[in-house]
């Protein structure tokens, strides 16, 4: 009898968990919240990639130090007719406003990469808001366009960061393809890492001042174009509302 009672309690527990998961899925689909149900808890997630039937992908560049290789990057992107997304730290945007202007005028998308490039999961809500507000304003003061995307420095985040960014109208963006161009990899190694990992809906992470990034970029763009992929800015790749995010951070349109 005791075994039967325990089994009934377990069955009721799993049924209740399943019901909660369904309710949460419905609510999240309706609101477009950055959250996923994981075994009894709701964890906030940024977008790592996008589920899409179209062969669309996005390439992004984090801007935090220097500009030595940025002109070469922009020349390749212009030659290949590719629009990218650049995530800028506030102190970079303030030091190089001419590059903020140039990147914007060439048709690329700009998001914030924080004010100070801190580990933001260690910050309070007030500190997070200050980081996101001041960094966005530094960009907007040059471009005149509202910043809508945010990439956490070091890929470091927690629920508070994602919730706060969302409440400020910012979509938090990670990546599913890391070029590792900040390491001392050859241009060929960088290109092969990216090419071999891309799928429809991928978001590629690069850096504006990687030593061999500009050299690798033509190979990446040409090869993936020849495979039928279309490059679009992240803001045109992601769903802005009525979506869910699975446990891998892949964004899906709500049914």
C-alpha atoms as a PDB file:
ATOM      1  CA  UNK A   1       0.000   0.000   0.000  1.00  0.00           C
ATOM      2  CA  UNK A   2       2.837   2.388   0.884  1.00  0.00           C
ATOM      3  CA  UNK A   3       4.506   1.787  -2.507  1.00  0.00           C
ATOM      4  CA  UNK A   4       1.224   2.452  -4.302  1.00  0.00           C
ATOM      5  CA  UNK A   5       0.733   5.678  -2.340  1.00  0.00           C
ATOM      6  CA  UNK A   6       4.230   6.896  -3.220  1.00  0.00           C
ATOM      7  CA  UNK A   7       3.657   6.087  -6.882  1.00  0.00           C
ATOM      8  CA  UNK A   8       0.418   8.068  -6.859  1.00  0.00           C
ATOM      9  CA  UNK A   9       2.179  11.044  -5.273  1.00  0.00           C
ATOM     10  CA  UNK A  10       4.929  10.879  -7.879  1.00  0.00           C
ATOM     11  CA  UNK A  11       2.382  10.685 -10.676  1.00  0.00           C
ATOM     12  CA  UNK A  12       0.554  13.718  -9.311  1.00  0.00           C
ATOM     13  CA  UNK A  13       3.843  15.607  -9.000  1.00  0.00           C
ATOM     14  CA  UNK A  14       4.832  14.948 -12.605  1.00  0.00           C
ATOM     15  CA  UNK A  15       1.347  15.822 -13.843  1.00  0.00           C
ATOM     16  CA  UNK A  16       1.472  19.104 -11.941  1.00  0.00           C
ATOM     17  CA  UNK A  17       4.946  19.873 -13.288  1.00  0.00           C
ATOM     18  CA  UNK A  18       3.791  19.207 -16.826  1.00  0.00           C
ATOM     19  CA  UNK A  19       0.765  21.455 -16.351  1.00  0.00           C
ATOM     20  CA  UNK A  20       2.947  24.266 -15.023  1.00  0.00           C
ATOM     21  CA  UNK A  21       5.286  23.870 -17.984  1.00  0.00           C
ATOM     22  CA  UNK A  22       2.387  24.161 -20.428  1.00  0.00           C
ATOM     23  CA  UNK A  23       0.997  27.244 -18.685  1.00  0.00           C
ATOM     24  CA  UNK A  24       4.400  28.903 -18.673  1.00  0.00           C
ATOM     25  CA  UNK A  25       4.940  28.090 -22.325  1.00  0.00           C
ATOM     26  CA  UNK A  26       1.628  29.718 -23.208  1.00  0.00           C
ATOM     27  CA  UNK A  27       2.396  32.797 -21.137  1.00  0.00           C
ATOM     28  CA  UNK A  28       5.876  33.157 -22.560  1.00  0.00           C
ATOM     29  CA  UNK A  29       4.631  32.712 -26.109  1.00  0.00           C
ATOM     30  CA  UNK A  30       2.110  35.461 -25.570  1.00  0.00           C
ATOM     31  CA  UNK A  31       4.550  37.917 -24.029  1.00  0.00           C
ATOM     32  CA  UNK A  32       7.776  37.075 -25.794  1.00  0.00           C
ATOM     33  CA  UNK A  33       9.601  36.744 -22.481  1.00  0.00           C
ATOM     34  CA  UNK A  34      13.198  35.564 -22.347  1.00  0.00           C
ATOM     35  CA  UNK A  35      12.562  32.463 -20.264  1.00  0.00           C
ATOM     36  CA  UNK A  36      12.609  28.693 -20.355  1.00  0.00           C
ATOM     37  CA  UNK A  37      11.071  26.129 -17.995  1.00  0.00           C
ATOM     38  CA  UNK A  38      13.789  23.878 -16.587  1.00  0.00           C
ATOM     39  CA  UNK A  39      12.663  21.265 -14.089  1.00  0.00           C
ATOM     40  CA  UNK A  40      10.659  23.399 -11.711  1.00  0.00           C
ATOM     41  CA  UNK A  41      12.350  26.765 -12.276  1.00  0.00           C
ATOM     42  CA  UNK A  42      12.026  29.492 -14.857  1.00  0.00           C
ATOM     43  CA  UNK A  43      15.446  30.542 -16.130  1.00  0.00           C
ATOM     44  CA  UNK A  44      15.918  33.695 -18.188  1.00  0.00           C
ATOM     45  CA  UNK A  45      17.914  33.239 -21.378  1.00  0.00           C
ATOM     46  CA  UNK A  46      19.281  35.528 -24.078  1.00  0.00           C
ATOM     47  CA  UNK A  47      19.001  34.615 -27.755  1.00  0.00           C
ATOM     48  CA  UNK A  48      21.828  32.378 -28.967  1.00  0.00           C
ATOM     49  CA  UNK A  49      20.368  31.506 -32.371  1.00  0.00           C
ATOM     50  CA  UNK A  50      17.051  31.516 -34.225  1.00  0.00           C
ATOM     51  CA  UNK A  51      14.961  28.643 -35.556  1.00  0.00           C
ATOM     52  CA  UNK A  52      14.085  29.532 -39.139  1.00  0.00           C
ATOM     53  CA  UNK A  53      13.299  27.713 -42.367  1.00  0.00           C
ATOM     54  CA  UNK A  54      15.235  30.383 -44.260  1.00  0.00           C
ATOM     55  CA  UNK A  55      19.004  30.172 -44.660  1.00  0.00           C
ATOM     56  CA  UNK A  56      19.566  33.454 -42.852  1.00  0.00           C
ATOM     57  CA  UNK A  57      22.455  34.086 -40.471  1.00  0.00           C
ATOM     58  CA  UNK A  58      24.027  37.077 -38.725  1.00  0.00           C
ATOM     59  CA  UNK A  59      27.642  38.049 -38.146  1.00  0.00           C
ATOM     60  CA  UNK A  60      28.493  40.321 -35.233  1.00  0.00           C
ATOM     61  CA  UNK A  61      31.538  42.191 -33.978  1.00  0.00           C
ATOM     62  CA  UNK A  62      32.200  43.208 -30.379  1.00  0.00           C
ATOM     63  CA  UNK A  63      34.003  46.559 -30.106  1.00  0.00           C
ATOM     64  CA  UNK A  64      35.887  47.130 -26.873  1.00  0.00           C
ATOM     65  CA  UNK A  65      39.541  47.810 -27.672  1.00  0.00           C
ATOM     66  CA  UNK A  66      41.233  49.581 -30.540  1.00  0.00           C
ATOM     67  CA  UNK A  67      40.370  50.270 -34.166  1.00  0.00           C
ATOM     68  CA  UNK A  68      43.495  49.130 -36.006  1.00  0.00           C
ATOM     69  CA  UNK A  69      41.693  46.510 -38.082  1.00  0.00           C
ATOM     70  CA  UNK A  70      38.228  48.066 -38.209  1.00  0.00           C
ATOM     71  CA  UNK A  71      38.607  49.844 -41.544  1.00  0.00           C
ATOM     72  CA  UNK A  72      39.699  46.596 -43.173  1.00  0.00           C
ATOM     73  CA  UNK A  73      36.614  44.850 -41.758  1.00  0.00           C
ATOM     74  CA  UNK A  74      34.316  47.560 -43.030  1.00  0.00           C
ATOM     75  CA  UNK A  75      35.914  47.435 -46.473  1.00  0.00           C
ATOM     76  CA  UNK A  76      35.313  43.676 -46.725  1.00  0.00           C
ATOM     77  CA  UNK A  77      31.708  43.984 -45.552  1.00  0.00           C
ATOM     78  CA  UNK A  78      31.047  46.751 -48.073  1.00  0.00           C
ATOM     79  CA  UNK A  79      32.677  44.835 -50.902  1.00  0.00           C
ATOM     80  CA  UNK A  80      30.629  41.735 -50.050  1.00  0.00           C
ATOM     81  CA  UNK A  81      27.448  43.796 -49.573  1.00  0.00           C
ATOM     82  CA  UNK A  82      26.938  42.356 -46.086  1.00  0.00           C
ATOM     83  CA  UNK A  83      25.333  44.227 -43.203  1.00  0.00           C
ATOM     84  CA  UNK A  84      26.551  43.191 -39.770  1.00  0.00           C
ATOM     85  CA  UNK A  85      25.831  44.010 -36.131  1.00  0.00           C
ATOM     86  CA  UNK A  86      28.408  45.810 -33.972  1.00  0.00           C
ATOM     87  CA  UNK A  87      28.168  45.732 -30.165  1.00  0.00           C
ATOM     88  CA  UNK A  88      30.002  48.707 -28.656  1.00  0.00           C
ATOM     89  CA  UNK A  89      31.242  49.353 -25.135  1.00  0.00           C
ATOM     90  CA  UNK A  90      30.565  52.919 -23.999  1.00  0.00           C
ATOM     91  CA  UNK A  91      34.208  53.882 -23.549  1.00  0.00           C
ATOM     92  CA  UNK A  92      34.944  52.619 -27.085  1.00  0.00           C
ATOM     93  CA  UNK A  93      32.052  54.601 -28.559  1.00  0.00           C
ATOM     94  CA  UNK A  94      33.154  57.743 -26.707  1.00  0.00           C
ATOM     95  CA  UNK A  95      36.793  57.348 -27.742  1.00  0.00           C
ATOM     96  CA  UNK A  96      36.015  56.616 -31.397  1.00  0.00           C
ATOM     97  CA  UNK A  97      32.808  58.498 -32.298  1.00  0.00           C
ATOM     98  CA  UNK A  98      34.004  58.740 -35.900  1.00  0.00           C
ATOM     99  CA  UNK A  99      33.839  54.939 -36.121  1.00  0.00           C
ATOM    100  CA  UNK A 100      30.387  54.835 -34.555  1.00  0.00           C
ATOM    101  CA  UNK A 101      29.281  57.274 -37.254  1.00  0.00           C
ATOM    102  CA  UNK A 102      31.072  55.413 -40.039  1.00  0.00           C
ATOM    103  CA  UNK A 103      29.654  52.017 -39.026  1.00  0.00           C
ATOM    104  CA  UNK A 104      26.150  53.445 -38.819  1.00  0.00           C
ATOM    105  CA  UNK A 105      26.395  55.281 -42.133  1.00  0.00           C
ATOM    106  CA  UNK A 106      27.516  52.099 -43.880  1.00  0.00           C
ATOM    107  CA  UNK A 107      24.193  50.519 -42.918  1.00  0.00           C
ATOM    108  CA  UNK A 108      25.318  48.304 -40.073  1.00  0.00           C
ATOM    109  CA  UNK A 109      23.357  47.751 -36.871  1.00  0.00           C
ATOM    110  CA  UNK A 110      24.724  48.903 -33.521  1.00  0.00           C
ATOM    111  CA  UNK A 111      23.962  47.478 -30.093  1.00  0.00           C
ATOM    112  CA  UNK A 112      25.367  48.103 -26.625  1.00  0.00           C
ATOM    113  CA  UNK A 113      28.069  45.925 -25.064  1.00  0.00           C
ATOM    114  CA  UNK A 114      27.735  47.720 -21.681  1.00  0.00           C
ATOM    115  CA  UNK A 115      29.459  50.821 -20.340  1.00  0.00           C
ATOM    116  CA  UNK A 116      32.517  49.323 -18.634  1.00  0.00           C
ATOM    117  CA  UNK A 117      32.725  45.720 -19.919  1.00  0.00           C
ATOM    118  CA  UNK A 118      32.097  44.352 -16.423  1.00  0.00           C
ATOM    119  CA  UNK A 119      30.844  40.952 -15.325  1.00  0.00           C
ATOM    120  CA  UNK A 120      27.278  42.176 -15.119  1.00  0.00           C
ATOM    121  CA  UNK A 121      25.878  39.220 -13.186  1.00  0.00           C
ATOM    122  CA  UNK A 122      27.711  40.724 -10.206  1.00  0.00           C
ATOM    123  CA  UNK A 123      25.912  44.071 -10.469  1.00  0.00           C
ATOM    124  CA  UNK A 124      22.774  45.334  -8.750  1.00  0.00           C
ATOM    125  CA  UNK A 125      19.703  46.281 -10.760  1.00  0.00           C
ATOM    126  CA  UNK A 126      20.537  49.977 -10.362  1.00  0.00           C
ATOM    127  CA  UNK A 127      24.080  49.394 -11.614  1.00  0.00           C
ATOM    128  CA  UNK A 128      22.809  47.367 -14.571  1.00  0.00           C
ATOM    129  CA  UNK A 129      20.382  50.122 -15.521  1.00  0.00           C
ATOM    130  CA  UNK A 130      23.151  52.702 -15.339  1.00  0.00           C
ATOM    131  CA  UNK A 131      25.441  50.579 -17.542  1.00  0.00           C
ATOM    132  CA  UNK A 132      22.765  50.026 -20.171  1.00  0.00           C
ATOM    133  CA  UNK A 133      21.393  53.566 -20.108  1.00  0.00           C
ATOM    134  CA  UNK A 134      24.696  55.403 -20.400  1.00  0.00           C
ATOM    135  CA  UNK A 135      26.136  53.045 -23.019  1.00  0.00           C
ATOM    136  CA  UNK A 136      23.008  53.261 -25.157  1.00  0.00           C
ATOM    137  CA  UNK A 137      22.997  57.050 -24.889  1.00  0.00           C
ATOM    138  CA  UNK A 138      26.640  57.227 -25.998  1.00  0.00           C
ATOM    139  CA  UNK A 139      25.709  55.396 -29.201  1.00  0.00           C
ATOM    140  CA  UNK A 140      22.384  57.154 -29.771  1.00  0.00           C
ATOM    141  CA  UNK A 141      23.986  60.585 -29.398  1.00  0.00           C
ATOM    142  CA  UNK A 142      26.028  59.830 -32.525  1.00  0.00           C
ATOM    143  CA  UNK A 143      23.585  57.812 -34.640  1.00  0.00           C
ATOM    144  CA  UNK A 144      20.265  59.334 -33.596  1.00  0.00           C
ATOM    145  CA  UNK A 145      18.849  55.801 -33.587  1.00  0.00           C
ATOM    146  CA  UNK A 146      17.453  53.890 -30.623  1.00  0.00           C
ATOM    147  CA  UNK A 147      19.600  51.004 -29.411  1.00  0.00           C
ATOM    148  CA  UNK A 148      17.579  47.779 -29.215  1.00  0.00           C
ATOM    149  CA  UNK A 149      20.221  45.067 -28.789  1.00  0.00           C
ATOM    150  CA  UNK A 150      22.517  44.223 -25.879  1.00  0.00           C
ATOM    151  CA  UNK A 151      25.331  41.692 -25.636  1.00  0.00           C
ATOM    152  CA  UNK A 152      26.556  40.869 -22.115  1.00  0.00           C
ATOM    153  CA  UNK A 153      30.338  41.226 -21.726  1.00  0.00           C
ATOM    154  CA  UNK A 154      32.123  37.869 -21.520  1.00  0.00           C
ATOM    155  CA  UNK A 155      28.782  36.197 -22.267  1.00  0.00           C
ATOM    156  CA  UNK A 156      28.119  36.509 -18.528  1.00  0.00           C
ATOM    157  CA  UNK A 157      24.505  36.906 -17.407  1.00  0.00           C
ATOM    158  CA  UNK A 158      21.902  35.962 -14.839  1.00  0.00           C
ATOM    159  CA  UNK A 159      18.127  36.313 -14.552  1.00  0.00           C
ATOM    160  CA  UNK A 160      18.341  39.844 -13.142  1.00  0.00           C
ATOM    161  CA  UNK A 161      20.436  41.075 -16.055  1.00  0.00           C
ATOM    162  CA  UNK A 162      18.158  39.599 -18.715  1.00  0.00           C
ATOM    163  CA  UNK A 163      14.994  40.804 -16.949  1.00  0.00           C
ATOM    164  CA  UNK A 164      16.380  44.311 -16.483  1.00  0.00           C
ATOM    165  CA  UNK A 165      17.537  44.597 -20.085  1.00  0.00           C
ATOM    166  CA  UNK A 166      14.146  43.394 -21.290  1.00  0.00           C
ATOM    167  CA  UNK A 167      12.332  45.925 -19.100  1.00  0.00           C
ATOM    168  CA  UNK A 168      14.421  48.619 -20.813  1.00  0.00           C
ATOM    169  CA  UNK A 169      13.389  47.460 -24.264  1.00  0.00           C
ATOM    170  CA  UNK A 170      16.653  45.652 -25.030  1.00  0.00           C
ATOM    171  CA  UNK A 171      16.947  42.203 -26.611  1.00  0.00           C
ATOM    172  CA  UNK A 172      19.821  40.285 -25.019  1.00  0.00           C
ATOM    173  CA  UNK A 173      21.951  38.519 -27.616  1.00  0.00           C
ATOM    174  CA  UNK A 174      24.584  35.800 -27.309  1.00  0.00           C
ATOM    175  CA  UNK A 175      25.947  33.611 -30.123  1.00  0.00           C
ATOM    176  CA  UNK A 176      26.075  29.969 -31.183  1.00  0.00           C
ATOM    177  CA  UNK A 177      29.192  30.245 -33.376  1.00  0.00           C
ATOM    178  CA  UNK A 178      32.352  31.598 -31.738  1.00  0.00           C
ATOM    179  CA  UNK A 179      35.168  32.493 -34.134  1.00  0.00           C
ATOM    180  CA  UNK A 180      37.684  32.658 -31.255  1.00  0.00           C
ATOM    181  CA  UNK A 181      39.333  35.422 -33.266  1.00  0.00           C
ATOM    182  CA  UNK A 182      40.561  37.044 -30.056  1.00  0.00           C
ATOM    183  CA  UNK A 183      42.983  34.149 -29.676  1.00  0.00           C
ATOM    184  CA  UNK A 184      46.113  33.910 -31.784  1.00  0.00           C
ATOM    185  CA  UNK A 185      44.427  31.749 -34.442  1.00  0.00           C
ATOM    186  CA  UNK A 186      45.349  31.931 -38.105  1.00  0.00           C
ATOM    187  CA  UNK A 187      42.895  33.411 -40.593  1.00  0.00           C
ATOM    188  CA  UNK A 188      42.293  29.925 -41.979  1.00  0.00           C
ATOM    189  CA  UNK A 189      41.559  28.466 -38.532  1.00  0.00           C
ATOM    190  CA  UNK A 190      39.118  31.282 -37.786  1.00  0.00           C
ATOM    191  CA  UNK A 191      37.341  30.806 -41.106  1.00  0.00           C
ATOM    192  CA  UNK A 192      37.072  27.029 -40.742  1.00  0.00           C
ATOM    193  CA  UNK A 193      35.738  27.289 -37.170  1.00  0.00           C
ATOM    194  CA  UNK A 194      32.919  29.513 -38.373  1.00  0.00           C
ATOM    195  CA  UNK A 195      32.125  27.753 -41.651  1.00  0.00           C
ATOM    196  CA  UNK A 196      31.941  24.302 -40.039  1.00  0.00           C
ATOM    197  CA  UNK A 197      29.604  25.396 -37.237  1.00  0.00           C
ATOM    198  CA  UNK A 198      27.043  27.586 -38.986  1.00  0.00           C
ATOM    199  CA  UNK A 199      23.419  26.525 -39.438  1.00  0.00           C
ATOM    200  CA  UNK A 200      20.306  28.450 -40.411  1.00  0.00           C
ATOM    201  CA  UNK A 201      19.625  31.095 -37.771  1.00  0.00           C
ATOM    202  CA  UNK A 202      23.194  31.170 -36.450  1.00  0.00           C
ATOM    203  CA  UNK A 203      24.682  34.231 -34.783  1.00  0.00           C
ATOM    204  CA  UNK A 204      28.439  34.478 -35.317  1.00  0.00           C
ATOM    205  CA  UNK A 205      30.709  36.159 -32.763  1.00  0.00           C
ATOM    206  CA  UNK A 206      33.777  38.084 -33.961  1.00  0.00           C
ATOM    207  CA  UNK A 207      35.694  41.121 -32.720  1.00  0.00           C
ATOM    208  CA  UNK A 208      36.458  44.330 -34.566  1.00  0.00           C
ATOM    209  CA  UNK A 209      40.111  44.266 -33.582  1.00  0.00           C
ATOM    210  CA  UNK A 210      40.957  40.581 -33.940  1.00  0.00           C
ATOM    211  CA  UNK A 211      44.430  40.210 -35.405  1.00  0.00           C
ATOM    212  CA  UNK A 212      43.386  37.977 -38.322  1.00  0.00           C
ATOM    213  CA  UNK A 213      39.628  38.629 -38.454  1.00  0.00           C
ATOM    214  CA  UNK A 214      39.691  40.904 -41.494  1.00  0.00           C
ATOM    215  CA  UNK A 215      41.822  38.361 -43.348  1.00  0.00           C
ATOM    216  CA  UNK A 216      39.428  35.515 -42.479  1.00  0.00           C
ATOM    217  CA  UNK A 217      36.277  37.472 -43.260  1.00  0.00           C
ATOM    218  CA  UNK A 218      36.267  37.211 -47.094  1.00  0.00           C
ATOM    219  CA  UNK A 219      36.605  33.420 -46.875  1.00  0.00           C
ATOM    220  CA  UNK A 220      33.787  33.209 -44.323  1.00  0.00           C
ATOM    221  CA  UNK A 221      31.426  35.423 -46.289  1.00  0.00           C
ATOM    222  CA  UNK A 222      32.146  33.954 -49.727  1.00  0.00           C
ATOM    223  CA  UNK A 223      31.971  30.333 -48.589  1.00  0.00           C
ATOM    224  CA  UNK A 224      28.725  30.727 -46.671  1.00  0.00           C
ATOM    225  CA  UNK A 225      27.137  32.740 -49.472  1.00  0.00           C
ATOM    226  CA  UNK A 226      28.061  29.957 -51.888  1.00  0.00           C
ATOM    227  CA  UNK A 227      26.297  27.532 -49.542  1.00  0.00           C
ATOM    228  CA  UNK A 228      23.133  29.587 -49.929  1.00  0.00           C
ATOM    229  CA  UNK A 229      23.234  31.597 -46.708  1.00  0.00           C
ATOM    230  CA  UNK A 230      22.077  35.207 -46.532  1.00  0.00           C
ATOM    231  CA  UNK A 231      23.657  37.566 -44.003  1.00  0.00           C
ATOM    232  CA  UNK A 232      21.296  39.923 -42.169  1.00  0.00           C
ATOM    233  CA  UNK A 233      21.696  42.124 -39.072  1.00  0.00           C
ATOM    234  CA  UNK A 234      20.672  40.421 -35.838  1.00  0.00           C
ATOM    235  CA  UNK A 235      17.676  42.738 -35.496  1.00  0.00           C
ATOM    236  CA  UNK A 236      16.313  41.334 -38.753  1.00  0.00           C
ATOM    237  CA  UNK A 237      17.053  37.729 -37.783  1.00  0.00           C
ATOM    238  CA  UNK A 238      15.413  37.507 -34.365  1.00  0.00           C
ATOM    239  CA  UNK A 239      11.699  37.471 -33.546  1.00  0.00           C
ATOM    240  CA  UNK A 240      10.720  40.659 -31.725  1.00  0.00           C
ATOM    241  CA  UNK A 241       7.570  39.266 -30.104  1.00  0.00           C
ATOM    242  CA  UNK A 242       5.481  36.097 -29.779  1.00  0.00           C
ATOM    243  CA  UNK A 243       8.364  33.685 -29.402  1.00  0.00           C
ATOM    244  CA  UNK A 244       9.847  31.132 -27.042  1.00  0.00           C
ATOM    245  CA  UNK A 245      13.454  30.214 -26.292  1.00  0.00           C
ATOM    246  CA  UNK A 246      14.468  26.595 -25.769  1.00  0.00           C
ATOM    247  CA  UNK A 247      17.048  25.281 -23.292  1.00  0.00           C
ATOM    248  CA  UNK A 248      19.834  25.851 -25.825  1.00  0.00           C
ATOM    249  CA  UNK A 249      18.936  29.512 -26.253  1.00  0.00           C
ATOM    250  CA  UNK A 250      17.440  28.927 -29.695  1.00  0.00           C
ATOM    251  CA  UNK A 251      14.554  31.277 -30.388  1.00  0.00           C
ATOM    252  CA  UNK A 252      11.362  29.865 -31.920  1.00  0.00           C
ATOM    253  CA  UNK A 253       8.320  31.659 -33.304  1.00  0.00           C
ATOM    254  CA  UNK A 254       5.274  30.946 -31.150  1.00  0.00           C
ATOM    255  CA  UNK A 255       2.781  28.555 -32.713  1.00  0.00           C
END
